[in-house]
Amino acid sequence: MIINFIRHGKTVGNIEKRYIGRTDEQLCTEGKEEIKNNKYPDCDIVISSPMKRCIQTTEIIYPDKKIIICDDLRECDFGNFEGKNYIELSENPDYQKWIDSNGIDTFPYGENPHDFRKRCIDIFIKTVRKYSDKKLSFVVHGGTIMSIMEKFAIPHRNYYDWQVKNGHGFVTEYSDRKITISEEI
């Protein structure tokens, strides 16, 4: 089964290197232009996070496709870190504690990273079972892609090793609960 993973285009928060999870930002002008100027693989079905940045990206890439919205593909809730960047958080003891945990502690008043990853993996499995005879494109968040790739990609790499730039991603083959990359987008 062919599965494309595409990270949404840039937002102002992305440019400013902010933690943007539950904030429903739109694509910025630069993000829209980059998406319009890139080439993307075709698909039978598009699955998107419900966030504006993903839906707008999907509408630019696949204007004639019906979008299937999956709430569980939304980005992690960064809690008290939401909307801030590492410079603004640098003196925050909760942020330092989270950094010292290698990013595995729960975000203060936010989501537990393990629960976030499990949520993404569970909906991915459910979705590929439902559409196993189709070529899929997931237009989602960086963290969502990282979660799925860490779990299924061969060769195995750690979560943070799967970071992907806005508007980019992977064309993959999914078989026997394993993902192999055919090409980068």
N, C-alpha and C. Protein backbone atom coordinates (compact mmCIF):
# COMPACT_ATOMS: atom_id res chain seq x y z
N MET A 1 0.84 -1.18 0.00
CA MET A 1 0.00 0.00 0.00
C MET A 1 0.89 1.24 0.00
N ILE A 2 0.58 2.17 -0.88
CA ILE A 2 1.33 3.44 -0.95
C ILE A 2 0.69 4.45 0.00
N ILE A 3 1.54 5.05 0.84
CA ILE A 3 1.08 6.09 1.76
C ILE A 3 2.04 7.27 1.68
N ASN A 4 1.47 8.45 1.44
CA ASN A 4 2.23 9.70 1.43
C ASN A 4 2.00 10.41 2.75
N PHE A 5 3.08 10.88 3.33
CA PHE A 5 2.99 11.69 4.55
C PHE A 5 3.49 13.08 4.20
N ILE A 6 2.63 14.09 4.41
CA ILE A 6 2.98 15.47 4.08
C ILE A 6 2.72 16.35 5.31
N ARG A 7 3.75 17.06 5.71
CA ARG A 7 3.57 18.03 6.80
C ARG A 7 2.97 19.30 6.23
N HIS A 8 2.05 19.90 6.97
CA HIS A 8 1.40 21.14 6.53
C HIS A 8 2.43 22.23 6.21
N GLY A 9 1.98 23.21 5.45
CA GLY A 9 2.83 24.35 5.12
C GLY A 9 3.11 25.23 6.32
N LYS A 10 3.98 26.21 6.12
CA LYS A 10 4.43 27.09 7.20
C LYS A 10 3.32 27.99 7.71
N THR A 11 3.39 28.25 9.00
CA THR A 11 2.56 29.25 9.67
C THR A 11 3.51 30.28 10.28
N VAL A 12 2.95 31.38 10.76
CA VAL A 12 3.77 32.38 11.44
C VAL A 12 4.45 31.73 12.65
N GLY A 13 3.72 30.90 13.39
CA GLY A 13 4.30 30.22 14.55
C GLY A 13 5.47 29.33 14.18
N ASN A 14 5.38 28.66 13.03
CA ASN A 14 6.50 27.83 12.57
C ASN A 14 7.73 28.69 12.28
N ILE A 15 7.52 29.80 11.60
CA ILE A 15 8.64 30.69 11.27
C ILE A 15 9.30 31.21 12.53
N GLU A 16 8.49 31.49 13.55
CA GLU A 16 9.02 32.01 14.82
C GLU A 16 9.45 30.90 15.76
N LYS A 17 9.43 29.66 15.29
CA LYS A 17 9.85 28.47 16.05
C LYS A 17 9.11 28.33 17.38
N ARG A 18 7.79 28.55 17.31
CA ARG A 18 6.94 28.44 18.48
C ARG A 18 6.35 27.03 18.58
N TYR A 19 6.01 26.64 19.79
CA TYR A 19 5.28 25.39 20.01
C TYR A 19 3.83 25.65 19.63
N ILE A 20 3.43 25.14 18.49
CA ILE A 20 2.07 25.34 18.00
C ILE A 20 1.41 23.97 17.88
N GLY A 21 0.54 23.68 18.81
CA GLY A 21 -0.18 22.41 18.81
C GLY A 21 -1.66 22.67 18.64
N ARG A 22 -2.30 23.04 19.74
CA ARG A 22 -3.76 23.24 19.72
C ARG A 22 -4.17 24.59 19.12
N THR A 23 -3.20 25.50 18.95
CA THR A 23 -3.50 26.78 18.33
C THR A 23 -3.83 26.54 16.86
N ASP A 24 -4.98 27.03 16.43
CA ASP A 24 -5.46 26.72 15.09
C ASP A 24 -5.01 27.79 14.10
N GLU A 25 -3.71 27.83 13.86
CA GLU A 25 -3.13 28.82 12.95
C GLU A 25 -3.41 28.47 11.49
N GLN A 26 -3.52 29.53 10.69
CA GLN A 26 -3.62 29.38 9.24
C GLN A 26 -2.22 29.40 8.64
N LEU A 27 -2.12 28.98 7.40
CA LEU A 27 -0.86 29.10 6.68
C LEU A 27 -0.55 30.58 6.48
N CYS A 28 0.73 30.91 6.55
CA CYS A 28 1.13 32.27 6.22
C CYS A 28 1.32 32.35 4.71
N THR A 29 1.51 33.54 4.18
CA THR A 29 1.66 33.74 2.74
C THR A 29 2.83 32.91 2.20
N GLU A 30 3.94 32.94 2.90
CA GLU A 30 5.12 32.16 2.48
C GLU A 30 4.79 30.66 2.44
N GLY A 31 4.06 30.19 3.44
CA GLY A 31 3.67 28.79 3.48
C GLY A 31 2.79 28.39 2.31
N LYS A 32 1.83 29.24 1.98
CA LYS A 32 0.95 28.96 0.83
C LYS A 32 1.75 28.91 -0.46
N GLU A 33 2.66 29.86 -0.65
CA GLU A 33 3.46 29.91 -1.88
C GLU A 33 4.36 28.68 -2.00
N GLU A 34 4.99 28.29 -0.91
CA GLU A 34 5.85 27.10 -0.96
C GLU A 34 5.06 25.85 -1.35
N ILE A 35 3.86 25.70 -0.79
CA ILE A 35 3.02 24.54 -1.13
C ILE A 35 2.65 24.60 -2.62
N LYS A 36 2.26 25.75 -3.09
CA LYS A 36 1.87 25.90 -4.51
C LYS A 36 3.03 25.57 -5.45
N ASN A 37 4.26 25.85 -5.03
CA ASN A 37 5.42 25.67 -5.89
C ASN A 37 6.07 24.29 -5.79
N ASN A 38 5.64 23.46 -4.85
CA ASN A 38 6.18 22.10 -4.72
C ASN A 38 5.35 21.13 -5.53
N LYS A 39 5.93 19.98 -5.82
CA LYS A 39 5.20 18.90 -6.50
C LYS A 39 4.89 17.83 -5.47
N TYR A 40 3.67 17.31 -5.53
CA TYR A 40 3.22 16.30 -4.57
C TYR A 40 2.67 15.09 -5.30
N PRO A 41 2.81 13.93 -4.68
CA PRO A 41 2.30 12.71 -5.31
C PRO A 41 0.77 12.66 -5.29
N ASP A 42 0.21 11.98 -6.27
CA ASP A 42 -1.24 11.80 -6.33
C ASP A 42 -1.66 10.74 -5.32
N CYS A 43 -2.95 10.66 -5.11
CA CYS A 43 -3.50 9.66 -4.18
C CYS A 43 -4.96 9.42 -4.52
N ASP A 44 -5.53 8.41 -3.88
CA ASP A 44 -6.96 8.15 -4.00
C ASP A 44 -7.75 8.87 -2.92
N ILE A 45 -7.18 8.89 -1.72
CA ILE A 45 -7.87 9.44 -0.55
C ILE A 45 -6.92 10.34 0.23
N VAL A 46 -7.44 11.50 0.69
CA VAL A 46 -6.66 12.42 1.52
C VAL A 46 -7.23 12.41 2.93
N ILE A 47 -6.35 12.17 3.88
CA ILE A 47 -6.73 12.18 5.29
C ILE A 47 -5.99 13.35 5.93
N SER A 48 -6.71 14.18 6.67
CA SER A 48 -6.12 15.40 7.22
C SER A 48 -6.45 15.55 8.70
N SER A 49 -5.55 16.21 9.39
CA SER A 49 -5.83 16.72 10.72
C SER A 49 -6.94 17.77 10.58
N PRO A 50 -7.70 18.02 11.65
CA PRO A 50 -8.76 19.03 11.57
C PRO A 50 -8.26 20.47 11.65
N MET A 51 -6.98 20.66 11.87
CA MET A 51 -6.46 22.01 12.06
C MET A 51 -6.40 22.77 10.73
N LYS A 52 -6.65 24.09 10.79
CA LYS A 52 -6.71 24.93 9.58
C LYS A 52 -5.47 24.77 8.71
N ARG A 53 -4.30 24.74 9.33
CA ARG A 53 -3.06 24.67 8.57
C ARG A 53 -2.97 23.41 7.71
N CYS A 54 -3.53 22.32 8.21
CA CYS A 54 -3.53 21.07 7.45
C CYS A 54 -4.61 21.08 6.36
N ILE A 55 -5.77 21.58 6.72
CA ILE A 55 -6.86 21.64 5.73
C ILE A 55 -6.49 22.57 4.58
N GLN A 56 -5.90 23.73 4.89
CA GLN A 56 -5.49 24.66 3.83
C GLN A 56 -4.42 24.03 2.93
N THR A 57 -3.48 23.33 3.53
CA THR A 57 -2.44 22.65 2.76
C THR A 57 -3.08 21.62 1.83
N THR A 58 -4.01 20.84 2.37
CA THR A 58 -4.70 19.83 1.58
C THR A 58 -5.45 20.46 0.42
N GLU A 59 -6.14 21.55 0.67
CA GLU A 59 -6.92 22.21 -0.39
C GLU A 59 -6.04 22.73 -1.51
N ILE A 60 -4.81 23.14 -1.19
CA ILE A 60 -3.89 23.61 -2.23
C ILE A 60 -3.34 22.42 -3.02
N ILE A 61 -2.91 21.37 -2.33
CA ILE A 61 -2.29 20.22 -3.00
C ILE A 61 -3.31 19.39 -3.76
N TYR A 62 -4.46 19.15 -3.14
CA TYR A 62 -5.47 18.24 -3.70
C TYR A 62 -6.81 18.96 -3.82
N PRO A 63 -6.92 19.97 -4.70
CA PRO A 63 -8.14 20.77 -4.76
C PRO A 63 -9.39 20.00 -5.18
N ASP A 64 -9.21 18.89 -5.87
CA ASP A 64 -10.37 18.14 -6.37
C ASP A 64 -10.68 16.89 -5.54
N LYS A 65 -9.99 16.72 -4.45
CA LYS A 65 -10.20 15.52 -3.62
C LYS A 65 -11.06 15.85 -2.40
N LYS A 66 -11.87 14.89 -2.03
CA LYS A 66 -12.62 15.00 -0.79
C LYS A 66 -11.64 14.78 0.37
N ILE A 67 -11.76 15.59 1.41
CA ILE A 67 -10.87 15.50 2.56
C ILE A 67 -11.58 14.72 3.67
N ILE A 68 -10.91 13.70 4.17
CA ILE A 68 -11.42 12.97 5.33
C ILE A 68 -10.68 13.53 6.54
N ILE A 69 -11.44 14.11 7.46
CA ILE A 69 -10.87 14.73 8.65
C ILE A 69 -10.81 13.70 9.78
N CYS A 70 -9.63 13.57 10.39
CA CYS A 70 -9.44 12.68 11.54
C CYS A 70 -8.98 13.52 12.72
N ASP A 71 -9.85 13.70 13.70
CA ASP A 71 -9.51 14.51 14.87
C ASP A 71 -8.27 14.01 15.59
N ASP A 72 -8.07 12.69 15.64
CA ASP A 72 -6.95 12.14 16.39
C ASP A 72 -5.60 12.34 15.71
N LEU A 73 -5.58 12.96 14.53
CA LEU A 73 -4.32 13.27 13.86
C LEU A 73 -3.84 14.68 14.19
N ARG A 74 -4.57 15.39 15.06
CA ARG A 74 -4.14 16.75 15.42
C ARG A 74 -2.81 16.68 16.18
N GLU A 75 -2.13 17.83 16.21
CA GLU A 75 -0.84 17.93 16.87
C GLU A 75 -0.99 17.81 18.38
N CYS A 76 0.11 17.58 19.04
CA CYS A 76 0.16 17.47 20.50
C CYS A 76 -0.26 18.80 21.15
N ASP A 77 -0.90 18.71 22.30
CA ASP A 77 -1.26 19.88 23.09
C ASP A 77 -0.05 20.21 23.97
N PHE A 78 0.61 21.32 23.69
CA PHE A 78 1.82 21.70 24.41
C PHE A 78 1.56 22.41 25.72
N GLY A 79 0.31 22.51 26.14
CA GLY A 79 -0.02 23.07 27.46
C GLY A 79 0.53 24.47 27.65
N ASN A 80 1.23 24.67 28.77
CA ASN A 80 1.77 25.99 29.10
C ASN A 80 2.86 26.47 28.14
N PHE A 81 3.39 25.57 27.31
CA PHE A 81 4.41 25.97 26.34
C PHE A 81 3.80 26.46 25.02
N GLU A 82 2.51 26.24 24.87
CA GLU A 82 1.81 26.59 23.63
C GLU A 82 2.01 28.06 23.28
N GLY A 83 2.40 28.29 22.02
CA GLY A 83 2.56 29.65 21.51
C GLY A 83 3.87 30.32 21.87
N LYS A 84 4.71 29.63 22.62
CA LYS A 84 6.00 30.20 23.04
C LYS A 84 7.12 29.50 22.29
N ASN A 85 8.26 30.17 22.19
CA ASN A 85 9.44 29.53 21.60
C ASN A 85 10.47 29.25 22.69
N TYR A 86 11.53 28.56 22.31
CA TYR A 86 12.51 28.13 23.30
C TYR A 86 13.20 29.32 23.99
N ILE A 87 13.32 30.45 23.31
CA ILE A 87 13.93 31.62 23.94
C ILE A 87 13.03 32.13 25.06
N GLU A 88 11.73 32.23 24.79
CA GLU A 88 10.78 32.70 25.80
C GLU A 88 10.67 31.73 26.97
N LEU A 89 10.96 30.46 26.71
CA LEU A 89 10.85 29.42 27.75
C LEU A 89 12.17 29.13 28.45
N SER A 90 13.25 29.73 28.01
CA SER A 90 14.58 29.35 28.48
C SER A 90 14.79 29.50 29.99
N GLU A 91 14.07 30.38 30.63
CA GLU A 91 14.23 30.57 32.08
C GLU A 91 13.10 29.89 32.87
N ASN A 92 12.25 29.17 32.17
CA ASN A 92 11.11 28.50 32.80
C ASN A 92 11.56 27.15 33.37
N PRO A 93 11.46 26.96 34.70
CA PRO A 93 11.92 25.70 35.29
C PRO A 93 11.13 24.48 34.79
N ASP A 94 9.84 24.66 34.47
CA ASP A 94 9.07 23.55 33.92
C ASP A 94 9.59 23.13 32.55
N TYR A 95 10.01 24.12 31.77
CA TYR A 95 10.56 23.82 30.46
C TYR A 95 11.88 23.07 30.59
N GLN A 96 12.73 23.53 31.50
CA GLN A 96 14.01 22.84 31.71
C GLN A 96 13.79 21.42 32.19
N LYS A 97 12.81 21.23 33.05
CA LYS A 97 12.48 19.88 33.52
C LYS A 97 12.04 19.00 32.35
N TRP A 98 11.22 19.55 31.47
CA TRP A 98 10.75 18.80 30.31
C TRP A 98 11.93 18.46 29.39
N ILE A 99 12.81 19.42 29.15
CA ILE A 99 14.00 19.19 28.32
C ILE A 99 14.86 18.09 28.96
N ASP A 100 15.07 18.17 30.27
CA ASP A 100 15.89 17.18 30.98
C ASP A 100 15.28 15.78 30.92
N SER A 101 13.97 15.69 30.70
CA SER A 101 13.30 14.39 30.59
C SER A 101 13.45 13.79 29.18
N ASN A 102 14.20 14.48 28.31
CA ASN A 102 14.31 14.08 26.90
C ASN A 102 12.96 14.12 26.19
N GLY A 103 12.11 15.04 26.62
CA GLY A 103 10.83 15.25 25.97
C GLY A 103 9.79 14.17 26.25
N ILE A 104 9.93 13.44 27.34
CA ILE A 104 8.94 12.39 27.63
C ILE A 104 7.97 12.76 28.75
N ASP A 105 8.28 13.78 29.53
CA ASP A 105 7.35 14.22 30.57
C ASP A 105 6.12 14.88 29.94
N THR A 106 5.02 14.85 30.67
CA THR A 106 3.79 15.53 30.23
C THR A 106 4.04 17.03 30.19
N PHE A 107 3.53 17.69 29.14
CA PHE A 107 3.61 19.14 29.09
C PHE A 107 2.74 19.71 30.21
N PRO A 108 3.23 20.69 30.98
CA PRO A 108 2.41 21.26 32.04
C PRO A 108 1.06 21.74 31.50
N TYR A 109 -0.02 21.18 32.02
CA TYR A 109 -1.39 21.47 31.58
C TYR A 109 -1.62 21.10 30.12
N GLY A 110 -0.82 20.18 29.62
CA GLY A 110 -0.95 19.74 28.24
C GLY A 110 -1.01 18.23 28.16
N GLU A 111 -0.58 17.72 27.04
CA GLU A 111 -0.70 16.30 26.73
C GLU A 111 0.60 15.55 27.07
N ASN A 112 0.44 14.31 27.45
CA ASN A 112 1.59 13.44 27.66
C ASN A 112 2.10 12.99 26.30
N PRO A 113 3.39 13.15 26.00
CA PRO A 113 3.91 12.75 24.68
C PRO A 113 3.64 11.28 24.33
N HIS A 114 3.69 10.40 25.31
CA HIS A 114 3.40 8.98 25.04
C HIS A 114 1.95 8.82 24.59
N ASP A 115 1.02 9.51 25.27
CA ASP A 115 -0.39 9.43 24.90
C ASP A 115 -0.63 10.01 23.51
N PHE A 116 0.07 11.12 23.21
CA PHE A 116 -0.03 11.73 21.88
C PHE A 116 0.41 10.74 20.81
N ARG A 117 1.55 10.13 21.00
CA ARG A 117 2.08 9.18 20.00
C ARG A 117 1.13 7.99 19.83
N LYS A 118 0.63 7.48 20.93
CA LYS A 118 -0.30 6.35 20.88
C LYS A 118 -1.57 6.73 20.11
N ARG A 119 -2.07 7.94 20.35
CA ARG A 119 -3.26 8.43 19.65
C ARG A 119 -3.02 8.44 18.15
N CYS A 120 -1.87 8.95 17.72
CA CYS A 120 -1.55 9.02 16.30
C CYS A 120 -1.40 7.63 15.69
N ILE A 121 -0.73 6.74 16.39
CA ILE A 121 -0.51 5.38 15.90
C ILE A 121 -1.83 4.63 15.80
N ASP A 122 -2.67 4.75 16.83
CA ASP A 122 -3.95 4.04 16.82
C ASP A 122 -4.84 4.46 15.65
N ILE A 123 -4.94 5.76 15.39
CA ILE A 123 -5.80 6.21 14.29
C ILE A 123 -5.16 5.87 12.94
N PHE A 124 -3.84 5.87 12.86
CA PHE A 124 -3.16 5.46 11.64
C PHE A 124 -3.51 4.00 11.31
N ILE A 125 -3.39 3.12 12.28
CA ILE A 125 -3.70 1.70 12.06
C ILE A 125 -5.16 1.53 11.63
N LYS A 126 -6.05 2.19 12.33
CA LYS A 126 -7.48 2.10 12.00
C LYS A 126 -7.74 2.60 10.56
N THR A 127 -7.09 3.69 10.19
CA THR A 127 -7.30 4.28 8.87
C THR A 127 -6.75 3.39 7.76
N VAL A 128 -5.55 2.85 7.93
CA VAL A 128 -4.99 2.02 6.86
C VAL A 128 -5.74 0.70 6.72
N ARG A 129 -6.30 0.20 7.79
CA ARG A 129 -7.16 -1.00 7.69
C ARG A 129 -8.41 -0.69 6.87
N LYS A 130 -9.00 0.46 7.13
CA LYS A 130 -10.23 0.84 6.45
C LYS A 130 -10.02 1.08 4.96
N TYR A 131 -8.88 1.63 4.59
CA TYR A 131 -8.62 1.99 3.20
C TYR A 131 -7.44 1.20 2.62
N SER A 132 -7.33 -0.04 2.97
CA SER A 132 -6.16 -0.86 2.60
C SER A 132 -5.98 -1.04 1.10
N ASP A 133 -7.02 -0.81 0.33
CA ASP A 133 -6.93 -0.99 -1.12
C ASP A 133 -6.72 0.34 -1.86
N LYS A 134 -6.41 1.40 -1.11
CA LYS A 134 -6.28 2.74 -1.69
C LYS A 134 -4.88 3.30 -1.49
N LYS A 135 -4.55 4.28 -2.30
CA LYS A 135 -3.31 5.05 -2.15
C LYS A 135 -3.67 6.28 -1.32
N LEU A 136 -3.03 6.44 -0.16
CA LEU A 136 -3.41 7.48 0.80
C LEU A 136 -2.39 8.60 0.89
N SER A 137 -2.89 9.80 1.17
CA SER A 137 -2.04 10.92 1.56
C SER A 137 -2.53 11.42 2.91
N PHE A 138 -1.63 11.44 3.87
CA PHE A 138 -1.90 12.02 5.18
C PHE A 138 -1.29 13.42 5.18
N VAL A 139 -2.12 14.45 5.35
CA VAL A 139 -1.63 15.81 5.46
C VAL A 139 -1.81 16.20 6.92
N VAL A 140 -0.70 16.21 7.62
CA VAL A 140 -0.74 16.28 9.08
C VAL A 140 0.39 17.13 9.62
N HIS A 141 0.70 16.94 10.89
CA HIS A 141 1.70 17.72 11.62
C HIS A 141 3.02 16.97 11.71
N GLY A 142 4.07 17.72 11.98
CA GLY A 142 5.38 17.11 12.14
C GLY A 142 5.38 16.03 13.21
N GLY A 143 4.79 16.32 14.36
CA GLY A 143 4.75 15.35 15.46
C GLY A 143 3.97 14.10 15.10
N THR A 144 2.93 14.25 14.31
CA THR A 144 2.12 13.11 13.88
C THR A 144 2.96 12.20 12.99
N ILE A 145 3.65 12.78 12.03
CA ILE A 145 4.51 12.00 11.14
C ILE A 145 5.61 11.32 11.95
N MET A 146 6.23 12.06 12.85
CA MET A 146 7.32 11.50 13.67
C MET A 146 6.83 10.31 14.49
N SER A 147 5.63 10.40 15.03
CA SER A 147 5.07 9.31 15.83
C SER A 147 4.90 8.04 15.01
N ILE A 148 4.32 8.19 13.84
CA ILE A 148 4.04 7.04 12.97
C ILE A 148 5.33 6.44 12.42
N MET A 149 6.24 7.29 12.00
CA MET A 149 7.50 6.79 11.44
C MET A 149 8.34 6.10 12.51
N GLU A 150 8.38 6.65 13.71
CA GLU A 150 9.16 5.99 14.78
C GLU A 150 8.64 4.58 15.03
N LYS A 151 7.34 4.42 14.99
CA LYS A 151 6.73 3.11 15.28
C LYS A 151 6.92 2.11 14.15
N PHE A 152 6.78 2.53 12.89
CA PHE A 152 6.68 1.58 11.80
C PHE A 152 7.82 1.60 10.78
N ALA A 153 8.59 2.67 10.72
CA ALA A 153 9.59 2.79 9.64
C ALA A 153 10.77 1.86 9.83
N ILE A 154 11.23 1.33 8.70
CA ILE A 154 12.41 0.47 8.65
C ILE A 154 13.41 1.18 7.74
N PRO A 155 14.65 1.38 8.16
CA PRO A 155 15.20 1.03 9.46
C PRO A 155 14.66 1.93 10.56
N HIS A 156 14.65 1.42 11.77
CA HIS A 156 14.10 2.15 12.90
C HIS A 156 14.99 3.35 13.23
N ARG A 157 14.32 4.47 13.51
CA ARG A 157 15.00 5.66 14.03
C ARG A 157 14.15 6.22 15.15
N ASN A 158 14.75 7.00 16.01
CA ASN A 158 14.03 7.60 17.12
C ASN A 158 13.12 8.72 16.66
N TYR A 159 12.16 9.03 17.49
CA TYR A 159 11.12 10.03 17.22
C TYR A 159 11.71 11.31 16.63
N TYR A 160 12.65 11.94 17.31
CA TYR A 160 13.17 13.23 16.86
C TYR A 160 14.01 13.13 15.59
N ASP A 161 14.43 11.92 15.23
CA ASP A 161 15.18 11.72 13.99
C ASP A 161 14.28 11.80 12.75
N TRP A 162 12.96 11.83 12.95
CA TRP A 162 12.01 11.87 11.84
C TRP A 162 11.45 13.28 11.58
N GLN A 163 12.11 14.30 12.10
CA GLN A 163 11.62 15.66 11.86
C GLN A 163 11.60 15.95 10.37
N VAL A 164 10.56 16.62 9.94
CA VAL A 164 10.40 16.94 8.53
C VAL A 164 10.00 18.42 8.40
N LYS A 165 10.52 19.07 7.39
CA LYS A 165 10.24 20.49 7.18
C LYS A 165 8.80 20.69 6.73
N ASN A 166 8.29 21.88 6.95
CA ASN A 166 6.95 22.22 6.48
C ASN A 166 6.84 22.01 4.98
N GLY A 167 5.71 21.41 4.57
CA GLY A 167 5.46 21.18 3.16
C GLY A 167 6.20 20.00 2.58
N HIS A 168 6.91 19.27 3.40
CA HIS A 168 7.69 18.12 2.92
C HIS A 168 7.20 16.85 3.61
N GLY A 169 7.78 15.74 3.24
CA GLY A 169 7.38 14.47 3.84
C GLY A 169 7.98 13.29 3.11
N PHE A 170 7.19 12.22 3.02
CA PHE A 170 7.68 10.96 2.47
C PHE A 170 6.63 10.27 1.62
N VAL A 171 7.08 9.62 0.56
CA VAL A 171 6.27 8.65 -0.17
C VAL A 171 6.74 7.30 0.37
N THR A 172 5.80 6.49 0.85
CA THR A 172 6.19 5.25 1.50
C THR A 172 5.39 4.06 0.99
N GLU A 173 5.91 2.90 1.31
CA GLU A 173 5.21 1.64 1.09
C GLU A 173 4.93 1.07 2.47
N TYR A 174 3.67 0.74 2.72
CA TYR A 174 3.27 0.16 4.01
C TYR A 174 2.84 -1.28 3.76
N SER A 175 3.50 -2.21 4.44
CA SER A 175 3.19 -3.62 4.31
C SER A 175 3.62 -4.36 5.57
N ASP A 176 2.79 -5.25 6.05
CA ASP A 176 3.10 -6.05 7.25
C ASP A 176 3.51 -5.18 8.44
N ARG A 177 2.79 -4.07 8.62
CA ARG A 177 3.04 -3.14 9.73
C ARG A 177 4.46 -2.55 9.70
N LYS A 178 4.99 -2.40 8.48
CA LYS A 178 6.29 -1.79 8.29
C LYS A 178 6.18 -0.73 7.20
N ILE A 179 6.91 0.38 7.40
CA ILE A 179 6.94 1.45 6.42
C ILE A 179 8.35 1.54 5.87
N THR A 180 8.45 1.55 4.54
CA THR A 180 9.73 1.82 3.88
C THR A 180 9.54 3.06 3.01
N ILE A 181 10.54 3.90 3.02
CA ILE A 181 10.48 5.16 2.27
C ILE A 181 10.91 4.92 0.83
N SER A 182 10.07 5.33 -0.11
CA SER A 182 10.39 5.26 -1.53
C SER A 182 11.12 6.52 -1.98
N GLU A 183 10.62 7.66 -1.50
CA GLU A 183 11.26 8.94 -1.83
C GLU A 183 10.83 10.00 -0.82
N GLU A 184 11.61 11.04 -0.76
CA GLU A 184 11.26 12.18 0.09
C GLU A 184 10.53 13.21 -0.76
N ILE A 185 9.61 13.90 -0.13
CA ILE A 185 8.84 14.95 -0.80
C ILE A 185 9.50 16.28 -0.47
